[in-house]
Amino acid sequence: MTIKVGDQLPEARLAEYVNVASEACAIGPSKVMVHEATKGKKIAIFAVPGAFTPTCSEQHAPAYIAAADQFKAKGVDEIWCLSVNDPFVMGAWGREQKADGKVRFIADGSGTFTKALGLEFDLTKGGLGVRSQRYSMLVEDGVVKVLNVEDSGHLETSTAEKLLSQI
């Protein structure tokens, strides 16, 4: 079953690479519990099939990073970029994209969250394994308020501009 507007996000353990140590987190992978991390917050989430891939690196992620202030002006507390990659890869990709302080690059390493959403995309025949479909969503207090899932294989409905227009 695919998640829809009005549904609560499933609980899952995701991971984020922390670049700067704090009292709460050491440098390296840190767990992100979905229900805890979304509680009381408005979060824009966009998911990509893979880190460092052409469309994701050249268009999708840069547009959200560039629009971070516009999202904040509309009351969005955080922007998350999700991918079925490990936290080391997502951390390196976030650094390469200069996303620090703008977009959190969060890993769904085993794809369990993506599968629970019903938004997995099986590319095993091409040697890429199970990935996430490309989508965007607005979540308030863990509840999906807006959901845009790409069905064309292109970047059209999950853009930063489209999600901004829906807030």
N, C-alpha and C. Protein backbone atom coordinates (compact mmCIF):
# COMPACT_ATOMS: atom_id res chain seq x y z
N MET A 1 0.84 -1.18 0.00
CA MET A 1 0.00 0.00 0.00
C MET A 1 0.89 1.25 0.00
N THR A 2 0.53 2.21 -0.81
CA THR A 2 1.30 3.45 -0.90
C THR A 2 0.74 4.49 0.06
N ILE A 3 1.61 5.20 0.72
CA ILE A 3 1.20 6.26 1.64
C ILE A 3 0.42 7.32 0.87
N LYS A 4 -0.50 7.98 1.55
CA LYS A 4 -1.29 9.02 0.90
C LYS A 4 -1.47 10.20 1.84
N VAL A 5 -1.96 11.29 1.31
CA VAL A 5 -2.21 12.49 2.10
C VAL A 5 -3.15 12.12 3.24
N GLY A 6 -2.82 12.58 4.44
CA GLY A 6 -3.60 12.28 5.64
C GLY A 6 -3.04 11.14 6.47
N ASP A 7 -2.13 10.36 5.89
CA ASP A 7 -1.52 9.23 6.61
C ASP A 7 -0.38 9.71 7.51
N GLN A 8 -0.19 8.98 8.60
CA GLN A 8 0.95 9.17 9.49
C GLN A 8 2.15 8.47 8.87
N LEU A 9 3.31 9.10 8.90
CA LEU A 9 4.53 8.42 8.43
C LEU A 9 4.77 7.19 9.27
N PRO A 10 5.26 6.11 8.67
CA PRO A 10 5.61 4.92 9.45
C PRO A 10 6.84 5.20 10.30
N GLU A 11 6.93 4.54 11.43
CA GLU A 11 8.13 4.67 12.25
C GLU A 11 9.25 3.92 11.55
N ALA A 12 10.41 4.50 11.58
CA ALA A 12 11.58 3.87 10.99
C ALA A 12 12.82 4.52 11.58
N ARG A 13 13.90 3.77 11.49
CA ARG A 13 15.20 4.29 11.90
C ARG A 13 15.99 4.62 10.65
N LEU A 14 16.25 5.89 10.46
CA LEU A 14 17.06 6.35 9.36
C LEU A 14 18.42 6.76 9.92
N ALA A 15 19.32 7.25 9.09
CA ALA A 15 20.63 7.65 9.58
C ALA A 15 21.11 8.89 8.84
N GLU A 16 21.83 9.71 9.58
CA GLU A 16 22.39 10.94 9.02
C GLU A 16 23.85 11.02 9.44
N TYR A 17 24.71 11.40 8.52
CA TYR A 17 26.11 11.57 8.85
C TYR A 17 26.29 12.94 9.48
N VAL A 18 26.81 12.98 10.69
CA VAL A 18 27.03 14.23 11.41
C VAL A 18 28.46 14.69 11.15
N ASN A 19 28.59 15.89 10.62
CA ASN A 19 29.91 16.43 10.25
C ASN A 19 30.62 17.12 11.41
N VAL A 20 29.86 17.65 12.38
CA VAL A 20 30.42 18.38 13.50
C VAL A 20 29.89 17.78 14.79
N ALA A 21 30.77 17.38 15.65
CA ALA A 21 30.36 16.76 16.91
C ALA A 21 29.67 17.77 17.82
N SER A 22 28.68 17.27 18.58
CA SER A 22 27.99 18.08 19.58
C SER A 22 27.78 17.22 20.81
N GLU A 23 27.17 17.78 21.85
CA GLU A 23 26.87 16.97 23.04
C GLU A 23 25.95 15.81 22.69
N ALA A 24 25.04 16.04 21.74
CA ALA A 24 24.06 15.03 21.39
C ALA A 24 24.60 13.98 20.43
N CYS A 25 25.52 14.36 19.56
CA CYS A 25 25.98 13.45 18.51
C CYS A 25 27.49 13.55 18.30
N ALA A 26 28.10 12.39 18.13
CA ALA A 26 29.51 12.32 17.75
C ALA A 26 29.59 12.46 16.23
N ILE A 27 30.77 12.72 15.72
CA ILE A 27 30.96 12.74 14.28
C ILE A 27 30.71 11.34 13.75
N GLY A 28 30.02 11.27 12.62
CA GLY A 28 29.72 9.99 12.00
C GLY A 28 28.23 9.75 11.93
N PRO A 29 27.82 8.53 11.60
CA PRO A 29 26.40 8.22 11.46
C PRO A 29 25.64 8.39 12.77
N SER A 30 24.49 8.99 12.68
CA SER A 30 23.63 9.21 13.84
C SER A 30 22.22 8.77 13.47
N LYS A 31 21.54 8.09 14.38
CA LYS A 31 20.19 7.62 14.05
C LYS A 31 19.19 8.78 14.02
N VAL A 32 18.22 8.63 13.15
CA VAL A 32 17.11 9.56 13.02
C VAL A 32 15.84 8.72 13.12
N MET A 33 15.14 8.82 14.25
CA MET A 33 13.89 8.10 14.43
C MET A 33 12.77 8.98 13.86
N VAL A 34 12.07 8.48 12.86
CA VAL A 34 11.12 9.29 12.10
C VAL A 34 10.08 9.97 12.98
N HIS A 35 9.40 9.22 13.86
CA HIS A 35 8.35 9.84 14.68
C HIS A 35 8.91 10.92 15.60
N GLU A 36 10.04 10.66 16.19
CA GLU A 36 10.67 11.62 17.09
C GLU A 36 11.14 12.87 16.32
N ALA A 37 11.73 12.66 15.15
CA ALA A 37 12.31 13.75 14.37
C ALA A 37 11.26 14.64 13.71
N THR A 38 10.05 14.11 13.51
CA THR A 38 9.00 14.90 12.86
C THR A 38 8.00 15.49 13.84
N LYS A 39 8.07 15.09 15.09
CA LYS A 39 7.09 15.55 16.08
C LYS A 39 7.12 17.07 16.24
N GLY A 40 5.94 17.68 16.05
CA GLY A 40 5.80 19.11 16.23
C GLY A 40 6.47 19.96 15.17
N LYS A 41 6.88 19.35 14.06
CA LYS A 41 7.60 20.09 13.01
C LYS A 41 6.88 20.00 11.67
N LYS A 42 7.14 21.01 10.86
CA LYS A 42 6.71 21.01 9.46
C LYS A 42 7.97 20.73 8.65
N ILE A 43 7.95 19.63 7.89
CA ILE A 43 9.15 19.19 7.17
C ILE A 43 8.83 18.96 5.70
N ALA A 44 9.66 19.52 4.84
CA ALA A 44 9.60 19.24 3.41
C ALA A 44 10.57 18.09 3.15
N ILE A 45 10.08 17.03 2.55
CA ILE A 45 10.91 15.86 2.26
C ILE A 45 10.91 15.65 0.76
N PHE A 46 12.10 15.44 0.21
CA PHE A 46 12.17 14.98 -1.18
C PHE A 46 13.06 13.76 -1.22
N ALA A 47 12.68 12.81 -2.04
CA ALA A 47 13.44 11.56 -2.14
C ALA A 47 13.94 11.40 -3.56
N VAL A 48 15.10 10.80 -3.66
CA VAL A 48 15.75 10.59 -4.95
C VAL A 48 16.15 9.13 -5.09
N PRO A 49 16.27 8.65 -6.34
CA PRO A 49 16.68 7.26 -6.55
C PRO A 49 18.11 6.97 -6.08
N GLY A 50 19.00 7.98 -6.13
CA GLY A 50 20.36 7.72 -5.70
C GLY A 50 21.19 8.97 -5.57
N ALA A 51 22.07 8.95 -4.59
CA ALA A 51 23.02 10.05 -4.40
C ALA A 51 23.99 10.08 -5.57
N PHE A 52 24.46 11.25 -5.91
CA PHE A 52 25.46 11.47 -6.94
C PHE A 52 24.99 11.09 -8.35
N THR A 53 23.71 10.85 -8.54
CA THR A 53 23.20 10.55 -9.87
C THR A 53 22.93 11.87 -10.60
N PRO A 54 22.95 11.88 -11.93
CA PRO A 54 22.90 13.14 -12.67
C PRO A 54 21.71 14.06 -12.34
N THR A 55 20.49 13.61 -12.51
CA THR A 55 19.33 14.47 -12.26
C THR A 55 19.27 14.89 -10.80
N CYS A 56 19.57 13.97 -9.90
CA CYS A 56 19.50 14.25 -8.47
C CYS A 56 20.55 15.29 -8.07
N SER A 57 21.75 15.17 -8.61
CA SER A 57 22.86 16.06 -8.24
C SER A 57 22.85 17.39 -8.98
N GLU A 58 22.33 17.41 -10.18
CA GLU A 58 22.39 18.62 -10.99
C GLU A 58 21.12 19.47 -10.90
N GLN A 59 19.98 18.83 -10.54
CA GLN A 59 18.72 19.57 -10.54
C GLN A 59 17.94 19.45 -9.23
N HIS A 60 17.64 18.23 -8.82
CA HIS A 60 16.71 18.03 -7.71
C HIS A 60 17.24 18.60 -6.40
N ALA A 61 18.37 18.11 -5.92
CA ALA A 61 18.94 18.58 -4.66
C ALA A 61 19.32 20.06 -4.71
N PRO A 62 20.01 20.53 -5.76
CA PRO A 62 20.38 21.96 -5.78
C PRO A 62 19.19 22.91 -5.69
N ALA A 63 18.07 22.54 -6.28
CA ALA A 63 16.89 23.41 -6.24
C ALA A 63 16.35 23.54 -4.82
N TYR A 64 16.33 22.45 -4.06
CA TYR A 64 15.87 22.51 -2.67
C TYR A 64 16.86 23.30 -1.81
N ILE A 65 18.13 23.12 -2.05
CA ILE A 65 19.14 23.87 -1.29
C ILE A 65 19.00 25.36 -1.57
N ALA A 66 18.84 25.72 -2.84
CA ALA A 66 18.70 27.13 -3.22
C ALA A 66 17.43 27.75 -2.66
N ALA A 67 16.38 26.94 -2.48
CA ALA A 67 15.09 27.44 -2.00
C ALA A 67 14.91 27.32 -0.49
N ALA A 68 15.96 26.95 0.22
CA ALA A 68 15.84 26.71 1.67
C ALA A 68 15.24 27.91 2.41
N ASP A 69 15.67 29.10 2.09
CA ASP A 69 15.14 30.30 2.77
C ASP A 69 13.66 30.51 2.45
N GLN A 70 13.26 30.20 1.24
CA GLN A 70 11.85 30.33 0.85
C GLN A 70 10.98 29.33 1.62
N PHE A 71 11.49 28.11 1.80
CA PHE A 71 10.76 27.13 2.59
C PHE A 71 10.63 27.61 4.04
N LYS A 72 11.72 28.11 4.60
CA LYS A 72 11.70 28.61 5.99
C LYS A 72 10.70 29.75 6.13
N ALA A 73 10.65 30.65 5.12
CA ALA A 73 9.71 31.78 5.15
C ALA A 73 8.25 31.31 5.15
N LYS A 74 8.02 30.10 4.64
CA LYS A 74 6.67 29.54 4.63
C LYS A 74 6.40 28.66 5.84
N GLY A 75 7.29 28.71 6.83
CA GLY A 75 7.06 27.98 8.07
C GLY A 75 7.60 26.56 8.11
N VAL A 76 8.38 26.17 7.12
CA VAL A 76 8.98 24.83 7.10
C VAL A 76 10.18 24.83 8.02
N ASP A 77 10.19 23.90 8.98
CA ASP A 77 11.28 23.82 9.96
C ASP A 77 12.54 23.17 9.39
N GLU A 78 12.36 22.14 8.56
CA GLU A 78 13.50 21.40 8.01
C GLU A 78 13.17 20.91 6.62
N ILE A 79 14.22 20.69 5.84
CA ILE A 79 14.11 20.04 4.54
C ILE A 79 14.97 18.79 4.62
N TRP A 80 14.40 17.67 4.23
CA TRP A 80 15.13 16.40 4.21
C TRP A 80 15.28 15.90 2.79
N CYS A 81 16.45 15.43 2.46
CA CYS A 81 16.69 14.68 1.23
C CYS A 81 16.88 13.23 1.64
N LEU A 82 16.04 12.35 1.14
CA LEU A 82 16.12 10.92 1.48
C LEU A 82 16.55 10.11 0.26
N SER A 83 17.35 9.09 0.52
CA SER A 83 17.73 8.16 -0.53
C SER A 83 18.09 6.82 0.10
N VAL A 84 17.91 5.76 -0.69
CA VAL A 84 18.33 4.43 -0.25
C VAL A 84 19.82 4.32 -0.55
N ASN A 85 20.58 4.92 0.33
CA ASN A 85 22.04 4.91 0.31
C ASN A 85 22.48 4.84 1.77
N ASP A 86 23.75 4.59 2.01
CA ASP A 86 24.23 4.56 3.39
C ASP A 86 24.54 5.98 3.86
N PRO A 87 24.63 6.19 5.18
CA PRO A 87 24.85 7.54 5.69
C PRO A 87 26.20 8.15 5.29
N PHE A 88 27.20 7.32 5.03
CA PHE A 88 28.49 7.84 4.60
C PHE A 88 28.36 8.49 3.22
N VAL A 89 27.66 7.81 2.32
CA VAL A 89 27.43 8.34 0.98
C VAL A 89 26.57 9.60 1.06
N MET A 90 25.49 9.56 1.85
CA MET A 90 24.62 10.73 1.95
C MET A 90 25.37 11.91 2.57
N GLY A 91 26.24 11.64 3.55
CA GLY A 91 27.04 12.70 4.16
C GLY A 91 27.98 13.33 3.15
N ALA A 92 28.65 12.50 2.36
CA ALA A 92 29.57 13.00 1.34
C ALA A 92 28.82 13.79 0.28
N TRP A 93 27.64 13.31 -0.09
CA TRP A 93 26.85 14.00 -1.11
C TRP A 93 26.37 15.35 -0.58
N GLY A 94 25.92 15.38 0.66
CA GLY A 94 25.49 16.64 1.27
C GLY A 94 26.63 17.66 1.33
N ARG A 95 27.84 17.19 1.67
CA ARG A 95 29.01 18.09 1.70
C ARG A 95 29.31 18.60 0.29
N GLU A 96 29.26 17.72 -0.68
CA GLU A 96 29.54 18.09 -2.07
C GLU A 96 28.51 19.11 -2.57
N GLN A 97 27.28 18.97 -2.11
CA GLN A 97 26.19 19.87 -2.52
C GLN A 97 26.18 21.18 -1.71
N LYS A 98 27.04 21.26 -0.69
CA LYS A 98 27.09 22.44 0.20
C LYS A 98 25.72 22.69 0.84
N ALA A 99 25.14 21.61 1.38
CA ALA A 99 23.79 21.64 1.94
C ALA A 99 23.74 21.93 3.43
N ASP A 100 24.90 21.98 4.09
CA ASP A 100 24.95 22.13 5.55
C ASP A 100 24.13 23.35 6.01
N GLY A 101 23.23 23.10 6.94
CA GLY A 101 22.40 24.16 7.48
C GLY A 101 21.18 24.47 6.63
N LYS A 102 21.05 23.81 5.49
CA LYS A 102 19.93 24.07 4.58
C LYS A 102 19.06 22.83 4.39
N VAL A 103 19.69 21.72 4.04
CA VAL A 103 18.99 20.46 3.79
C VAL A 103 19.71 19.34 4.51
N ARG A 104 18.95 18.51 5.22
CA ARG A 104 19.51 17.33 5.87
C ARG A 104 19.51 16.18 4.87
N PHE A 105 20.66 15.58 4.65
CA PHE A 105 20.77 14.43 3.74
C PHE A 105 20.70 13.16 4.59
N ILE A 106 19.57 12.47 4.51
CA ILE A 106 19.26 11.37 5.41
C ILE A 106 19.19 10.06 4.64
N ALA A 107 19.84 9.05 5.19
CA ALA A 107 19.94 7.74 4.54
C ALA A 107 18.88 6.77 5.03
N ASP A 108 18.31 6.07 4.08
CA ASP A 108 17.43 4.93 4.35
C ASP A 108 18.18 3.71 3.82
N GLY A 109 19.26 3.38 4.51
CA GLY A 109 20.23 2.40 4.04
C GLY A 109 19.69 1.10 3.52
N SER A 110 18.74 0.51 4.19
CA SER A 110 18.18 -0.77 3.76
C SER A 110 16.86 -0.61 3.02
N GLY A 111 16.40 0.62 2.88
CA GLY A 111 15.15 0.87 2.18
C GLY A 111 13.90 0.51 2.96
N THR A 112 14.03 0.30 4.27
CA THR A 112 12.86 -0.12 5.05
C THR A 112 11.80 0.98 5.14
N PHE A 113 12.21 2.22 5.28
CA PHE A 113 11.26 3.33 5.33
C PHE A 113 10.58 3.49 3.97
N THR A 114 11.40 3.46 2.92
CA THR A 114 10.89 3.58 1.56
C THR A 114 9.87 2.49 1.26
N LYS A 115 10.16 1.26 1.65
CA LYS A 115 9.22 0.14 1.44
C LYS A 115 7.96 0.33 2.26
N ALA A 116 8.10 0.82 3.50
CA ALA A 116 6.93 1.06 4.34
C ALA A 116 6.03 2.14 3.75
N LEU A 117 6.62 3.09 3.03
CA LEU A 117 5.84 4.12 2.34
C LEU A 117 5.16 3.57 1.09
N GLY A 118 5.66 2.43 0.60
CA GLY A 118 5.16 1.87 -0.66
C GLY A 118 5.71 2.61 -1.86
N LEU A 119 6.89 3.23 -1.69
CA LEU A 119 7.47 4.05 -2.76
C LEU A 119 8.82 3.50 -3.24
N GLU A 120 9.00 2.18 -3.12
CA GLU A 120 10.25 1.60 -3.61
C GLU A 120 10.17 1.42 -5.13
N PHE A 121 11.34 1.30 -5.73
CA PHE A 121 11.50 1.21 -7.17
C PHE A 121 12.58 0.16 -7.40
N ASP A 122 12.22 -1.00 -7.96
CA ASP A 122 13.15 -2.11 -8.10
C ASP A 122 13.96 -2.00 -9.38
N LEU A 123 15.24 -1.70 -9.21
CA LEU A 123 16.16 -1.59 -10.34
C LEU A 123 17.19 -2.72 -10.31
N THR A 124 16.83 -3.83 -9.68
CA THR A 124 17.74 -4.96 -9.53
C THR A 124 18.22 -5.48 -10.88
N LYS A 125 17.34 -5.53 -11.87
CA LYS A 125 17.74 -6.04 -13.19
C LYS A 125 18.85 -5.19 -13.80
N GLY A 126 18.90 -3.93 -13.46
CA GLY A 126 19.95 -3.05 -13.97
C GLY A 126 21.16 -2.99 -13.07
N GLY A 127 21.16 -3.81 -11.99
CA GLY A 127 22.29 -3.87 -11.08
C GLY A 127 22.31 -2.79 -10.01
N LEU A 128 21.19 -2.07 -9.85
CA LEU A 128 21.14 -0.97 -8.89
C LEU A 128 20.35 -1.27 -7.63
N GLY A 129 19.76 -2.45 -7.55
CA GLY A 129 19.02 -2.83 -6.34
C GLY A 129 17.70 -2.09 -6.21
N VAL A 130 17.14 -2.14 -5.01
CA VAL A 130 15.88 -1.47 -4.74
C VAL A 130 16.19 -0.04 -4.33
N ARG A 131 15.55 0.90 -4.96
CA ARG A 131 15.75 2.33 -4.73
C ARG A 131 14.43 2.98 -4.33
N SER A 132 14.48 4.28 -4.10
CA SER A 132 13.27 5.05 -3.84
C SER A 132 12.78 5.65 -5.14
N GLN A 133 11.47 5.72 -5.27
CA GLN A 133 10.91 6.54 -6.34
C GLN A 133 11.25 7.99 -6.02
N ARG A 134 11.21 8.82 -7.01
CA ARG A 134 11.42 10.25 -6.83
C ARG A 134 10.09 10.85 -6.38
N TYR A 135 10.11 11.56 -5.25
CA TYR A 135 8.88 12.19 -4.75
C TYR A 135 9.22 13.38 -3.87
N SER A 136 8.19 14.15 -3.55
CA SER A 136 8.30 15.18 -2.54
C SER A 136 7.06 15.11 -1.67
N MET A 137 7.19 15.56 -0.44
CA MET A 137 6.04 15.61 0.45
C MET A 137 6.23 16.70 1.49
N LEU A 138 5.13 17.19 1.98
CA LEU A 138 5.13 18.10 3.11
C LEU A 138 4.50 17.33 4.26
N VAL A 139 5.20 17.31 5.38
CA VAL A 139 4.76 16.56 6.56
C VAL A 139 4.62 17.54 7.72
N GLU A 140 3.49 17.46 8.41
CA GLU A 140 3.29 18.28 9.61
C GLU A 140 3.02 17.34 10.77
N ASP A 141 3.87 17.42 11.79
CA ASP A 141 3.74 16.56 12.97
C ASP A 141 3.61 15.09 12.58
N GLY A 142 4.37 14.69 11.57
CA GLY A 142 4.40 13.29 11.14
C GLY A 142 3.28 12.88 10.21
N VAL A 143 2.39 13.80 9.84
CA VAL A 143 1.26 13.48 8.96
C VAL A 143 1.51 14.09 7.58
N VAL A 144 1.28 13.30 6.54
CA VAL A 144 1.49 13.75 5.17
C VAL A 144 0.39 14.74 4.79
N LYS A 145 0.79 15.95 4.42
CA LYS A 145 -0.16 17.00 4.01
C LYS A 145 -0.18 17.18 2.50
N VAL A 146 0.98 16.96 1.85
CA VAL A 146 1.11 17.07 0.39
C VAL A 146 2.01 15.92 -0.05
N LEU A 147 1.67 15.29 -1.19
CA LEU A 147 2.49 14.21 -1.71
C LEU A 147 2.53 14.31 -3.23
N ASN A 148 3.73 14.35 -3.78
CA ASN A 148 3.95 14.43 -5.23
C ASN A 148 4.90 13.31 -5.63
N VAL A 149 4.38 12.28 -6.29
CA VAL A 149 5.20 11.14 -6.72
C VAL A 149 5.39 11.22 -8.22
N GLU A 150 6.62 11.17 -8.64
CA GLU A 150 6.92 11.19 -10.08
C GLU A 150 6.47 9.86 -10.70
N ASP A 151 5.83 9.94 -11.86
CA ASP A 151 5.47 8.71 -12.56
C ASP A 151 6.05 8.68 -13.96
N SER A 152 6.79 9.71 -14.32
CA SER A 152 7.31 9.81 -15.68
C SER A 152 8.76 9.36 -15.82
N GLY A 153 9.45 9.17 -14.70
CA GLY A 153 10.88 8.89 -14.76
C GLY A 153 11.70 10.17 -14.90
N HIS A 154 11.01 11.30 -14.94
CA HIS A 154 11.68 12.60 -15.05
C HIS A 154 11.50 13.37 -13.75
N LEU A 155 12.00 14.59 -13.74
CA LEU A 155 11.81 15.49 -12.60
C LEU A 155 10.80 16.55 -13.02
N GLU A 156 9.55 16.35 -12.59
CA GLU A 156 8.48 17.27 -12.98
C GLU A 156 7.61 17.66 -11.79
N THR A 157 7.07 16.67 -11.09
CA THR A 157 6.08 16.96 -10.04
C THR A 157 6.66 17.06 -8.64
N SER A 158 7.92 16.69 -8.46
CA SER A 158 8.50 16.71 -7.11
C SER A 158 9.54 17.81 -6.95
N THR A 159 9.49 18.81 -7.80
CA THR A 159 10.47 19.90 -7.75
C THR A 159 10.26 20.77 -6.51
N ALA A 160 11.28 21.50 -6.16
CA ALA A 160 11.19 22.45 -5.05
C ALA A 160 10.15 23.52 -5.34
N GLU A 161 10.12 23.99 -6.57
CA GLU A 161 9.17 25.03 -6.96
C GLU A 161 7.73 24.54 -6.79
N LYS A 162 7.47 23.33 -7.20
CA LYS A 162 6.10 22.77 -7.09
C LYS A 162 5.70 22.65 -5.63
N LEU A 163 6.60 22.09 -4.79
CA LEU A 163 6.25 21.92 -3.38
C LEU A 163 6.07 23.28 -2.70
N LEU A 164 6.91 24.24 -3.03
CA LEU A 164 6.76 25.58 -2.47
C LEU A 164 5.39 26.17 -2.81
N SER A 165 4.92 25.93 -4.03
CA SER A 165 3.63 26.47 -4.45
C SER A 165 2.46 25.82 -3.73
N GLN A 166 2.70 24.66 -3.12
CA GLN A 166 1.64 23.91 -2.45
C GLN A 166 1.57 24.19 -0.95
N ILE A 167 2.49 24.97 -0.43
CA ILE A 167 2.53 25.26 1.00
C ILE A 167 1.72 26.52 1.28
